Amino acid sequence: MTLQQLKYAMTIADCGSMNEAAKQLFISQPSLSETIKELEQEIGLQIFLRSNRGIIMTPEGEEFLGYARQVTEQFGLLQSRYIEKKTKEKFSVSMQHYTFAVKAFVETVKKAGIDSYEFAANETTTYDVMESVRNFKSEIGVLYLNDFNEKVMMKIIHEKGLEFIELFACDTYVYLWSGHPLAKSKVISMEELDEYPCLSFDQGKNHSLYLAEEMKSTYEYKRLIKASDRATLLNFMKGLNAYTLCSGIICEELNGSEYIAVPLAETEKMRIGYVKRKGANISHIGELYIEELEKYKEKIM
């Protein structure tokens, strides 16, 4: 087994296509296929299922590539520091679509005070937040637990060798455009919201009520719109008088003052926190980021 074989397999997984991966790797498709076949024979399992429609990663292959990413990531760090003599600071966080988590990242970059760095902030699905931390793609993953999803979420967290650290708890708010007919309400009920579209972040192939980013995931919504990015949802809020349910912690510096949060009558507690690899030490930059997140606790007390 070689690092080159691992990198080839990860490229195929990322591209979802043998042909596309071969183009990116600047090798022929038959040569790439033969390399992966040799790797599969050596480790005694099938990483990819091949068909006329393309390739699909097997469950065993997905687990194998999780370890492969850890190995290549660690090798990259060793090579960068000791072979290439680079000391560029690195930090990556994955998160559900929270403006306060993005704002905390912005403040962390400012606070770090270093000239050379490579930082990354990934807004992604709930499952991929956890998967990114497991695969060493991110050091920290920001998400929430509540009474409904806790049992399932903690099972996934433990299975991935992670741990959840709670930062603060907050109530549920209705997030909407400031020009919305209900925007001036002091409190909004679910019944009042029935005539307006509810917005939800699409969780992709791992969709589940337990993995939903929004509260009240089991509610029978009359109108529901799913999208995959925050900018699109904000446009729908303004264009369709749509809304979503959130923590109520909003950042005008990033989203402007056109959007507001109003308390939900049927509120439930959201426990905001982060996941990290179990037993792993948090880097200096990671500690700075967590400190910025913890500041929001004071804003909801």
C-alpha atoms as a PDB file:
ATOM      1  CA  MET A   1       0.000   0.000   0.000  1.00  0.00           C
ATOM      2  CA  THR A   2       1.405   3.388  -0.990  1.00  0.00           C
ATOM      3  CA  LEU A   3       0.470   7.015  -0.415  1.00  0.00           C
ATOM      4  CA  GLN A   4      -0.027   7.361  -4.149  1.00  0.00           C
ATOM      5  CA  GLN A   5      -2.632   4.580  -4.117  1.00  0.00           C
ATOM      6  CA  LEU A   6      -4.433   6.256  -1.225  1.00  0.00           C
ATOM      7  CA  LYS A   7      -4.433   9.625  -2.994  1.00  0.00           C
ATOM      8  CA  TYR A   8      -5.758   8.024  -6.179  1.00  0.00           C
ATOM      9  CA  ALA A   9      -8.603   6.358  -4.265  1.00  0.00           C
ATOM     10  CA  MET A  10      -9.524   9.605  -2.484  1.00  0.00           C
ATOM     11  CA  THR A  11      -9.552  11.509  -5.783  1.00  0.00           C
ATOM     12  CA  ILE A  12     -11.962   8.963  -7.275  1.00  0.00           C
ATOM     13  CA  ALA A  13     -14.215   9.269  -4.215  1.00  0.00           C
ATOM     14  CA  ASP A  14     -14.176  13.082  -4.422  1.00  0.00           C
ATOM     15  CA  CYS A  15     -14.872  13.121  -8.179  1.00  0.00           C
ATOM     16  CA  GLY A  16     -17.442  10.330  -8.137  1.00  0.00           C
ATOM     17  CA  SER A  17     -16.080   9.222 -11.493  1.00  0.00           C
ATOM     18  CA  MET A  18     -13.095   7.178 -12.590  1.00  0.00           C
ATOM     19  CA  ASN A  19     -12.730   9.167 -15.824  1.00  0.00           C
ATOM     20  CA  GLU A  20     -12.870  12.538 -14.089  1.00  0.00           C
ATOM     21  CA  ALA A  21     -10.368  11.393 -11.465  1.00  0.00           C
ATOM     22  CA  ALA A  22      -7.989  10.193 -14.183  1.00  0.00           C
ATOM     23  CA  LYS A  23      -8.134  13.638 -15.822  1.00  0.00           C
ATOM     24  CA  GLN A  24      -7.340  15.393 -12.540  1.00  0.00           C
ATOM     25  CA  LEU A  25      -4.485  12.993 -11.834  1.00  0.00           C
ATOM     26  CA  PHE A  26      -3.135  13.266 -15.402  1.00  0.00           C
ATOM     27  CA  ILE A  27      -3.053   9.503 -15.904  1.00  0.00           C
ATOM     28  CA  SER A  28      -4.993   7.147 -18.152  1.00  0.00           C
ATOM     29  CA  GLN A  29      -8.265   5.661 -16.949  1.00  0.00           C
ATOM     30  CA  PRO A  30      -7.069   2.043 -17.426  1.00  0.00           C
ATOM     31  CA  SER A  31      -3.921   2.782 -15.409  1.00  0.00           C
ATOM     32  CA  LEU A  32      -5.982   4.305 -12.597  1.00  0.00           C
ATOM     33  CA  SER A  33      -8.395   1.351 -12.594  1.00  0.00           C
ATOM     34  CA  GLU A  34      -5.498  -1.106 -12.394  1.00  0.00           C
ATOM     35  CA  THR A  35      -3.924   0.796  -9.479  1.00  0.00           C
ATOM     36  CA  ILE A  36      -7.183   0.701  -7.505  1.00  0.00           C
ATOM     37  CA  LYS A  37      -7.684  -2.976  -8.343  1.00  0.00           C
ATOM     38  CA  GLU A  38      -4.224  -3.759  -6.940  1.00  0.00           C
ATOM     39  CA  LEU A  39      -5.002  -1.763  -3.787  1.00  0.00           C
ATOM     40  CA  GLU A  40      -8.321  -3.580  -3.286  1.00  0.00           C
ATOM     41  CA  GLN A  41      -6.612  -6.949  -3.700  1.00  0.00           C
ATOM     42  CA  GLU A  42      -3.914  -6.007  -1.185  1.00  0.00           C
ATOM     43  CA  ILE A  43      -6.313  -4.860   1.543  1.00  0.00           C
ATOM     44  CA  GLY A  44      -8.868  -7.576   0.838  1.00  0.00           C
ATOM     45  CA  LEU A  45     -11.968  -5.445   0.310  1.00  0.00           C
ATOM     46  CA  GLN A  46     -13.765  -3.655  -2.470  1.00  0.00           C
ATOM     47  CA  ILE A  47     -13.599   0.132  -2.177  1.00  0.00           C
ATOM     48  CA  PHE A  48     -15.775   0.943  -5.198  1.00  0.00           C
ATOM     49  CA  LEU A  49     -18.642  -0.787  -6.990  1.00  0.00           C
ATOM     50  CA  ARG A  50     -18.390  -0.279 -10.733  1.00  0.00           C
ATOM     51  CA  SER A  51     -21.315  -0.177 -13.162  1.00  0.00           C
ATOM     52  CA  ASN A  52     -22.336   1.396 -16.466  1.00  0.00           C
ATOM     53  CA  ARG A  53     -23.643   4.373 -14.502  1.00  0.00           C
ATOM     54  CA  GLY A  54     -20.352   5.046 -12.764  1.00  0.00           C
ATOM     55  CA  ILE A  55     -18.945   4.134  -9.375  1.00  0.00           C
ATOM     56  CA  ILE A  56     -20.396   3.851  -5.870  1.00  0.00           C
ATOM     57  CA  MET A  57     -18.342   3.672  -2.705  1.00  0.00           C
ATOM     58  CA  THR A  58     -18.972   0.602  -0.557  1.00  0.00           C
ATOM     59  CA  PRO A  59     -19.523   0.999   3.220  1.00  0.00           C
ATOM     60  CA  GLU A  60     -16.192  -0.752   3.802  1.00  0.00           C
ATOM     61  CA  GLY A  61     -14.555   1.519   1.245  1.00  0.00           C
ATOM     62  CA  GLU A  62     -15.944   4.615   2.950  1.00  0.00           C
ATOM     63  CA  GLU A  63     -14.485   3.489   6.275  1.00  0.00           C
ATOM     64  CA  PHE A  64     -11.133   2.679   4.651  1.00  0.00           C
ATOM     65  CA  LEU A  65     -10.922   6.089   2.971  1.00  0.00           C
ATOM     66  CA  GLY A  66     -11.663   7.756   6.315  1.00  0.00           C
ATOM     67  CA  TYR A  67      -8.453   6.232   7.660  1.00  0.00           C
ATOM     68  CA  ALA A  68      -6.649   6.971   4.390  1.00  0.00           C
ATOM     69  CA  ARG A  69      -7.445  10.667   4.710  1.00  0.00           C
ATOM     70  CA  GLN A  70      -6.013  10.681   8.222  1.00  0.00           C
ATOM     71  CA  VAL A  71      -2.778   9.099   6.987  1.00  0.00           C
ATOM     72  CA  THR A  72      -2.329  11.461   4.021  1.00  0.00           C
ATOM     73  CA  GLU A  73      -3.226  14.504   6.131  1.00  0.00           C
ATOM     74  CA  GLN A  74      -0.645  13.605   8.764  1.00  0.00           C
ATOM     75  CA  PHE A  75       1.976  12.857   6.096  1.00  0.00           C
ATOM     76  CA  GLY A  76       1.264  16.223   4.504  1.00  0.00           C
ATOM     77  CA  LEU A  77       1.885  17.950   7.821  1.00  0.00           C
ATOM     78  CA  LEU A  78       5.160  16.070   8.303  1.00  0.00           C
ATOM     79  CA  GLN A  79       6.281  16.851   4.771  1.00  0.00           C
ATOM     80  CA  SER A  80       5.354  20.510   5.080  1.00  0.00           C
ATOM     81  CA  ARG A  81       7.154  21.025   8.383  1.00  0.00           C
ATOM     82  CA  TYR A  82      10.226  18.828   8.052  1.00  0.00           C
ATOM     83  CA  ILE A  83      10.877  18.347   4.333  1.00  0.00           C
ATOM     84  CA  GLU A  84       9.642  21.601   2.801  1.00  0.00           C
ATOM     85  CA  LYS A  85      10.514  23.488   6.000  1.00  0.00           C
ATOM     86  CA  LYS A  86       7.180  25.298   5.991  1.00  0.00           C
ATOM     87  CA  THR A  87       5.610  26.419   9.252  1.00  0.00           C
ATOM     88  CA  LYS A  88       2.350  27.814   7.914  1.00  0.00           C
ATOM     89  CA  GLU A  89      -0.349  27.706  10.618  1.00  0.00           C
ATOM     90  CA  LYS A  90      -3.354  25.581   9.689  1.00  0.00           C
ATOM     91  CA  PHE A  91      -6.874  25.450  11.119  1.00  0.00           C
ATOM     92  CA  SER A  92     -10.196  24.202   9.761  1.00  0.00           C
ATOM     93  CA  VAL A  93     -13.715  24.141  11.161  1.00  0.00           C
ATOM     94  CA  SER A  94     -16.926  22.641   9.768  1.00  0.00           C
ATOM     95  CA  MET A  95     -20.299  23.968  10.847  1.00  0.00           C
ATOM     96  CA  GLN A  96     -24.001  23.950  10.322  1.00  0.00           C
ATOM     97  CA  HIS A  97     -25.186  27.178   8.707  1.00  0.00           C
ATOM     98  CA  TYR A  98     -24.722  29.571  11.636  1.00  0.00           C
ATOM     99  CA  THR A  99     -23.792  33.212  11.077  1.00  0.00           C
ATOM    100  CA  PHE A 100     -22.399  33.423  14.613  1.00  0.00           C
ATOM    101  CA  ALA A 101     -20.031  30.531  13.848  1.00  0.00           C
ATOM    102  CA  VAL A 102     -18.826  32.387  10.737  1.00  0.00           C
ATOM    103  CA  LYS A 103     -18.450  35.594  12.730  1.00  0.00           C
ATOM    104  CA  ALA A 104     -16.425  33.712  15.365  1.00  0.00           C
ATOM    105  CA  PHE A 105     -14.169  32.473  12.571  1.00  0.00           C
ATOM    106  CA  VAL A 106     -13.673  36.031  11.300  1.00  0.00           C
ATOM    107  CA  GLU A 107     -12.697  37.224  14.775  1.00  0.00           C
ATOM    108  CA  THR A 108     -10.371  34.236  15.207  1.00  0.00           C
ATOM    109  CA  VAL A 109      -8.470  35.117  12.026  1.00  0.00           C
ATOM    110  CA  LYS A 110      -8.060  38.686  13.290  1.00  0.00           C
ATOM    111  CA  LYS A 111      -7.091  37.583  16.778  1.00  0.00           C
ATOM    112  CA  ALA A 112      -4.534  34.987  15.622  1.00  0.00           C
ATOM    113  CA  GLY A 113      -2.187  37.752  14.533  1.00  0.00           C
ATOM    114  CA  ILE A 114      -0.033  35.618  12.245  1.00  0.00           C
ATOM    115  CA  ASP A 115       1.341  36.429   8.789  1.00  0.00           C
ATOM    116  CA  SER A 116       1.311  32.982   7.198  1.00  0.00           C
ATOM    117  CA  TYR A 117      -1.676  30.668   7.582  1.00  0.00           C
ATOM    118  CA  GLU A 118      -4.082  28.361   5.797  1.00  0.00           C
ATOM    119  CA  PHE A 119      -7.526  28.439   7.419  1.00  0.00           C
ATOM    120  CA  ALA A 120     -10.815  26.915   6.236  1.00  0.00           C
ATOM    121  CA  ALA A 121     -14.457  27.293   7.275  1.00  0.00           C
ATOM    122  CA  ASN A 122     -16.904  24.792   5.776  1.00  0.00           C
ATOM    123  CA  GLU A 123     -20.666  25.313   6.022  1.00  0.00           C
ATOM    124  CA  THR A 124     -22.079  21.881   5.304  1.00  0.00           C
ATOM    125  CA  THR A 125     -24.658  19.239   6.245  1.00  0.00           C
ATOM    126  CA  THR A 126     -25.002  17.934   9.793  1.00  0.00           C
ATOM    127  CA  TYR A 127     -23.595  14.511   8.916  1.00  0.00           C
ATOM    128  CA  ASP A 128     -20.646  15.997   7.029  1.00  0.00           C
ATOM    129  CA  VAL A 129     -19.812  18.236   9.993  1.00  0.00           C
ATOM    130  CA  MET A 130     -19.172  15.092  12.021  1.00  0.00           C
ATOM    131  CA  GLU A 131     -17.553  13.221   9.135  1.00  0.00           C
ATOM    132  CA  SER A 132     -15.143  16.093   8.452  1.00  0.00           C
ATOM    133  CA  VAL A 133     -13.897  16.009  12.029  1.00  0.00           C
ATOM    134  CA  ARG A 134     -13.575  12.229  11.955  1.00  0.00           C
ATOM    135  CA  ASN A 135     -11.553  12.410   8.719  1.00  0.00           C
ATOM    136  CA  PHE A 136      -9.217  15.155  10.019  1.00  0.00           C
ATOM    137  CA  LYS A 137     -10.586  17.572   7.415  1.00  0.00           C
ATOM    138  CA  SER A 138     -11.648  19.808  10.294  1.00  0.00           C
ATOM    139  CA  GLU A 139     -10.401  20.105  13.838  1.00  0.00           C
ATOM    140  CA  ILE A 140     -13.771  21.259  15.193  1.00  0.00           C
ATOM    141  CA  GLY A 141     -17.381  20.835  14.072  1.00  0.00           C
ATOM    142  CA  VAL A 142     -20.147  23.192  15.262  1.00  0.00           C
ATOM    143  CA  LEU A 143     -23.696  21.818  15.628  1.00  0.00           C
ATOM    144  CA  TYR A 144     -26.566  21.502  18.107  1.00  0.00           C
ATOM    145  CA  LEU A 145     -28.434  18.899  20.112  1.00  0.00           C
ATOM    146  CA  ASN A 146     -31.970  18.961  21.461  1.00  0.00           C
ATOM    147  CA  ASP A 147     -34.293  16.508  23.220  1.00  0.00           C
ATOM    148  CA  PHE A 148     -35.471  15.081  19.895  1.00  0.00           C
ATOM    149  CA  ASN A 149     -32.167  14.407  18.126  1.00  0.00           C
ATOM    150  CA  GLU A 150     -29.791  13.811  21.045  1.00  0.00           C
ATOM    151  CA  LYS A 151     -29.994  10.019  21.216  1.00  0.00           C
ATOM    152  CA  VAL A 152     -29.370   9.489  17.492  1.00  0.00           C
ATOM    153  CA  MET A 153     -26.770  12.251  17.236  1.00  0.00           C
ATOM    154  CA  MET A 154     -24.771  11.005  20.216  1.00  0.00           C
ATOM    155  CA  LYS A 155     -24.773   7.497  18.743  1.00  0.00           C
ATOM    156  CA  ILE A 156     -23.256   8.819  15.509  1.00  0.00           C
ATOM    157  CA  ILE A 157     -20.797  10.998  17.424  1.00  0.00           C
ATOM    158  CA  HIS A 158     -19.572   8.057  19.514  1.00  0.00           C
ATOM    159  CA  GLU A 159     -19.363   5.717  16.502  1.00  0.00           C
ATOM    160  CA  LYS A 160     -17.108   8.211  14.748  1.00  0.00           C
ATOM    161  CA  GLY A 161     -14.774   8.443  17.737  1.00  0.00           C
ATOM    162  CA  LEU A 162     -15.836  11.992  18.571  1.00  0.00           C
ATOM    163  CA  GLU A 163     -17.085  13.819  21.635  1.00  0.00           C
ATOM    164  CA  PHE A 164     -19.569  16.688  22.023  1.00  0.00           C
ATOM    165  CA  ILE A 165     -18.823  19.699  24.208  1.00  0.00           C
ATOM    166  CA  GLU A 166     -21.772  21.978  24.951  1.00  0.00           C
ATOM    167  CA  LEU A 167     -21.150  25.730  24.858  1.00  0.00           C
ATOM    168  CA  PHE A 168     -24.557  27.215  25.658  1.00  0.00           C
ATOM    169  CA  ALA A 169     -28.300  26.626  25.398  1.00  0.00           C
ATOM    170  CA  CYS A 170     -30.766  28.949  23.665  1.00  0.00           C
ATOM    171  CA  ASP A 171     -34.456  29.149  22.788  1.00  0.00           C
ATOM    172  CA  THR A 172     -35.982  28.722  19.329  1.00  0.00           C
ATOM    173  CA  TYR A 173     -36.575  31.803  17.192  1.00  0.00           C
ATOM    174  CA  VAL A 174     -38.281  32.526  13.887  1.00  0.00           C
ATOM    175  CA  TYR A 175     -35.769  33.980  11.438  1.00  0.00           C
ATOM    176  CA  LEU A 176     -37.364  36.130   8.718  1.00  0.00           C
ATOM    177  CA  TRP A 177     -37.116  39.214   6.538  1.00  0.00           C
ATOM    178  CA  SER A 178     -37.725  42.521   8.307  1.00  0.00           C
ATOM    179  CA  GLY A 179     -40.484  43.289   5.784  1.00  0.00           C
ATOM    180  CA  HIS A 180     -42.374  40.064   6.578  1.00  0.00           C
ATOM    181  CA  PRO A 181     -46.032  40.576   7.690  1.00  0.00           C
ATOM    182  CA  LEU A 182     -45.167  38.973  11.074  1.00  0.00           C
ATOM    183  CA  ALA A 183     -41.870  40.799  11.563  1.00  0.00           C
ATOM    184  CA  LYS A 184     -43.242  43.248  14.143  1.00  0.00           C
ATOM    185  CA  SER A 185     -44.736  40.520  16.327  1.00  0.00           C
ATOM    186  CA  LYS A 186     -43.288  40.082  19.800  1.00  0.00           C
ATOM    187  CA  VAL A 187     -43.898  36.321  19.631  1.00  0.00           C
ATOM    188  CA  ILE A 188     -44.881  34.117  16.673  1.00  0.00           C
ATOM    189  CA  SER A 189     -46.739  30.805  16.872  1.00  0.00           C
ATOM    190  CA  MET A 190     -46.475  27.826  14.543  1.00  0.00           C
ATOM    191  CA  GLU A 191     -50.127  28.340  13.592  1.00  0.00           C
ATOM    192  CA  GLU A 192     -49.376  31.883  12.409  1.00  0.00           C
ATOM    193  CA  LEU A 193     -46.537  30.561  10.268  1.00  0.00           C
ATOM    194  CA  ASP A 194     -48.651  27.968   8.452  1.00  0.00           C
ATOM    195  CA  GLU A 195     -49.413  30.273   5.522  1.00  0.00           C
ATOM    196  CA  TYR A 196     -45.759  31.009   4.835  1.00  0.00           C
ATOM    197  CA  PRO A 197     -43.066  28.737   3.354  1.00  0.00           C
ATOM    198  CA  CYS A 198     -40.698  27.156   5.830  1.00  0.00           C
ATOM    199  CA  LEU A 199     -37.064  26.973   4.711  1.00  0.00           C
ATOM    200  CA  SER A 200     -34.837  24.009   5.443  1.00  0.00           C
ATOM    201  CA  PHE A 201     -31.231  23.189   4.615  1.00  0.00           C
ATOM    202  CA  ASP A 202     -31.021  20.166   2.339  1.00  0.00           C
ATOM    203  CA  GLN A 203     -29.108  17.377   4.101  1.00  0.00           C
ATOM    204  CA  GLY A 204     -28.341  15.512   0.891  1.00  0.00           C
ATOM    205  CA  LYS A 205     -28.033  11.720   0.846  1.00  0.00           C
ATOM    206  CA  ASN A 206     -27.914  11.595   4.658  1.00  0.00           C
ATOM    207  CA  HIS A 207     -31.242  13.366   5.109  1.00  0.00           C
ATOM    208  CA  SER A 208     -33.081  12.492   8.322  1.00  0.00           C
ATOM    209  CA  LEU A 209     -35.364  14.294  10.729  1.00  0.00           C
ATOM    210  CA  TYR A 210     -32.677  13.737  13.372  1.00  0.00           C
ATOM    211  CA  LEU A 211     -30.034  15.472  11.242  1.00  0.00           C
ATOM    212  CA  ALA A 212     -32.119  18.529  10.368  1.00  0.00           C
ATOM    213  CA  GLU A 213     -30.514  21.873  11.179  1.00  0.00           C
ATOM    214  CA  GLU A 214     -33.848  23.458  11.979  1.00  0.00           C
ATOM    215  CA  MET A 215     -35.925  22.925  15.093  1.00  0.00           C
ATOM    216  CA  LYS A 216     -39.414  21.375  14.856  1.00  0.00           C
ATOM    217  CA  SER A 217     -38.251  18.923  12.183  1.00  0.00           C
ATOM    218  CA  THR A 218     -41.226  16.623  12.872  1.00  0.00           C
ATOM    219  CA  TYR A 219     -43.809  19.379  12.364  1.00  0.00           C
ATOM    220  CA  GLU A 220     -46.193  18.815   9.440  1.00  0.00           C
ATOM    221  CA  TYR A 221     -45.363  21.906   7.360  1.00  0.00           C
ATOM    222  CA  LYS A 222     -47.925  23.005   4.810  1.00  0.00           C
ATOM    223  CA  ARG A 223     -45.238  24.599   2.641  1.00  0.00           C
ATOM    224  CA  LEU A 224     -41.586  23.550   2.743  1.00  0.00           C
ATOM    225  CA  ILE A 225     -38.652  24.684   0.601  1.00  0.00           C
ATOM    226  CA  LYS A 226     -35.207  23.105   0.772  1.00  0.00           C
ATOM    227  CA  ALA A 227     -31.961  24.694  -0.361  1.00  0.00           C
ATOM    228  CA  SER A 228     -28.285  23.969   0.112  1.00  0.00           C
ATOM    229  CA  ASP A 229     -26.788  27.353   0.953  1.00  0.00           C
ATOM    230  CA  ARG A 230     -27.534  30.264   3.255  1.00  0.00           C
ATOM    231  CA  ALA A 231     -27.516  32.990   0.570  1.00  0.00           C
ATOM    232  CA  THR A 232     -30.299  31.234  -1.347  1.00  0.00           C
ATOM    233  CA  LEU A 233     -32.419  30.894   1.792  1.00  0.00           C
ATOM    234  CA  LEU A 234     -32.013  34.588   2.546  1.00  0.00           C
ATOM    235  CA  ASN A 235     -33.233  35.420  -0.970  1.00  0.00           C
ATOM    236  CA  PHE A 236     -36.262  33.172  -0.466  1.00  0.00           C
ATOM    237  CA  MET A 237     -37.036  34.900   2.825  1.00  0.00           C
ATOM    238  CA  LYS A 238     -37.215  38.252   1.090  1.00  0.00           C
ATOM    239  CA  GLY A 239     -38.845  37.117  -2.157  1.00  0.00           C
ATOM    240  CA  LEU A 240     -41.397  34.684  -0.726  1.00  0.00           C
ATOM    241  CA  ASN A 241     -41.918  35.900   2.851  1.00  0.00           C
ATOM    242  CA  ALA A 242     -40.440  32.591   3.906  1.00  0.00           C
ATOM    243  CA  TYR A 243     -38.890  31.824   7.300  1.00  0.00           C
ATOM    244  CA  THR A 244     -36.755  29.335   9.144  1.00  0.00           C
ATOM    245  CA  LEU A 245     -36.314  28.342  12.783  1.00  0.00           C
ATOM    246  CA  CYS A 246     -32.994  29.068  14.432  1.00  0.00           C
ATOM    247  CA  SER A 247     -31.093  29.943  17.597  1.00  0.00           C
ATOM    248  CA  GLY A 248     -31.905  33.632  17.374  1.00  0.00           C
ATOM    249  CA  ILE A 249     -28.225  34.561  17.402  1.00  0.00           C
ATOM    250  CA  ILE A 250     -27.780  36.686  14.299  1.00  0.00           C
ATOM    251  CA  CYS A 251     -24.911  38.864  13.077  1.00  0.00           C
ATOM    252  CA  GLU A 252     -25.893  42.081  11.337  1.00  0.00           C
ATOM    253  CA  GLU A 253     -22.243  42.660  10.417  1.00  0.00           C
ATOM    254  CA  LEU A 254     -22.436  39.697   8.039  1.00  0.00           C
ATOM    255  CA  ASN A 255     -26.091  39.499   6.933  1.00  0.00           C
ATOM    256  CA  GLY A 256     -27.096  43.132   7.288  1.00  0.00           C
ATOM    257  CA  SER A 257     -30.110  44.504   9.176  1.00  0.00           C
ATOM    258  CA  GLU A 258     -32.765  43.238   6.766  1.00  0.00           C
ATOM    259  CA  TYR A 259     -33.289  40.020   8.716  1.00  0.00           C
ATOM    260  CA  ILE A 260     -34.549  39.600  12.261  1.00  0.00           C
ATOM    261  CA  ALA A 261     -35.260  36.881  14.815  1.00  0.00           C
ATOM    262  CA  VAL A 262     -38.575  36.749  16.702  1.00  0.00           C
ATOM    263  CA  PRO A 263     -39.213  34.346  19.636  1.00  0.00           C
ATOM    264  CA  LEU A 264     -41.237  31.239  18.766  1.00  0.00           C
ATOM    265  CA  ALA A 265     -44.214  30.586  21.049  1.00  0.00           C
ATOM    266  CA  GLU A 266     -43.630  26.818  21.040  1.00  0.00           C
ATOM    267  CA  THR A 267     -39.954  27.210  21.869  1.00  0.00           C
ATOM    268  CA  GLU A 268     -37.583  24.318  22.518  1.00  0.00           C
ATOM    269  CA  LYS A 269     -34.035  24.444  23.849  1.00  0.00           C
ATOM    270  CA  MET A 270     -31.144  24.159  21.426  1.00  0.00           C
ATOM    271  CA  ARG A 271     -27.816  23.133  22.959  1.00  0.00           C
ATOM    272  CA  ILE A 272     -25.099  24.632  20.786  1.00  0.00           C
ATOM    273  CA  GLY A 273     -21.699  23.011  20.995  1.00  0.00           C
ATOM    274  CA  TYR A 274     -18.871  21.471  19.046  1.00  0.00           C
ATOM    275  CA  VAL A 275     -17.497  18.027  18.276  1.00  0.00           C
ATOM    276  CA  LYS A 276     -13.843  17.089  18.247  1.00  0.00           C
ATOM    277  CA  ARG A 277     -11.919  13.851  18.007  1.00  0.00           C
ATOM    278  CA  LYS A 278     -12.136  12.048  21.334  1.00  0.00           C
ATOM    279  CA  GLY A 279      -9.060  12.623  23.476  1.00  0.00           C
ATOM    280  CA  ALA A 280      -7.475  15.004  20.945  1.00  0.00           C
ATOM    281  CA  ASN A 281      -5.896  18.238  22.117  1.00  0.00           C
ATOM    282  CA  ILE A 282      -7.251  21.478  20.679  1.00  0.00           C
ATOM    283  CA  SER A 283      -4.728  23.639  18.826  1.00  0.00           C
ATOM    284  CA  HIS A 284      -3.990  27.220  19.822  1.00  0.00           C
ATOM    285  CA  ILE A 285      -6.091  28.540  16.946  1.00  0.00           C
ATOM    286  CA  GLY A 286      -8.861  26.120  17.849  1.00  0.00           C
ATOM    287  CA  GLU A 287      -8.863  27.461  21.413  1.00  0.00           C
ATOM    288  CA  LEU A 288      -9.168  31.009  20.083  1.00  0.00           C
ATOM    289  CA  TYR A 289     -12.143  29.960  17.964  1.00  0.00           C
ATOM    290  CA  ILE A 290     -13.872  28.285  20.910  1.00  0.00           C
ATOM    291  CA  GLU A 291     -13.331  31.419  22.993  1.00  0.00           C
ATOM    292  CA  GLU A 292     -15.103  33.449  20.315  1.00  0.00           C
ATOM    293  CA  LEU A 293     -18.012  30.992  20.275  1.00  0.00           C
ATOM    294  CA  GLU A 294     -18.309  31.123  24.063  1.00  0.00           C
ATOM    295  CA  LYS A 295     -18.846  34.900  23.927  1.00  0.00           C
ATOM    296  CA  TYR A 296     -22.317  34.296  22.512  1.00  0.00           C
ATOM    297  CA  LYS A 297     -23.351  32.722  25.796  1.00  0.00           C
ATOM    298  CA  GLU A 298     -23.342  36.211  27.329  1.00  0.00           C
ATOM    299  CA  LYS A 299     -25.603  37.526  24.574  1.00  0.00           C
ATOM    300  CA  ILE A 300     -28.426  35.095  25.313  1.00  0.00           C
ATOM    301  CA  MET A 301     -28.366  35.210  29.125  1.00  0.00           C
END
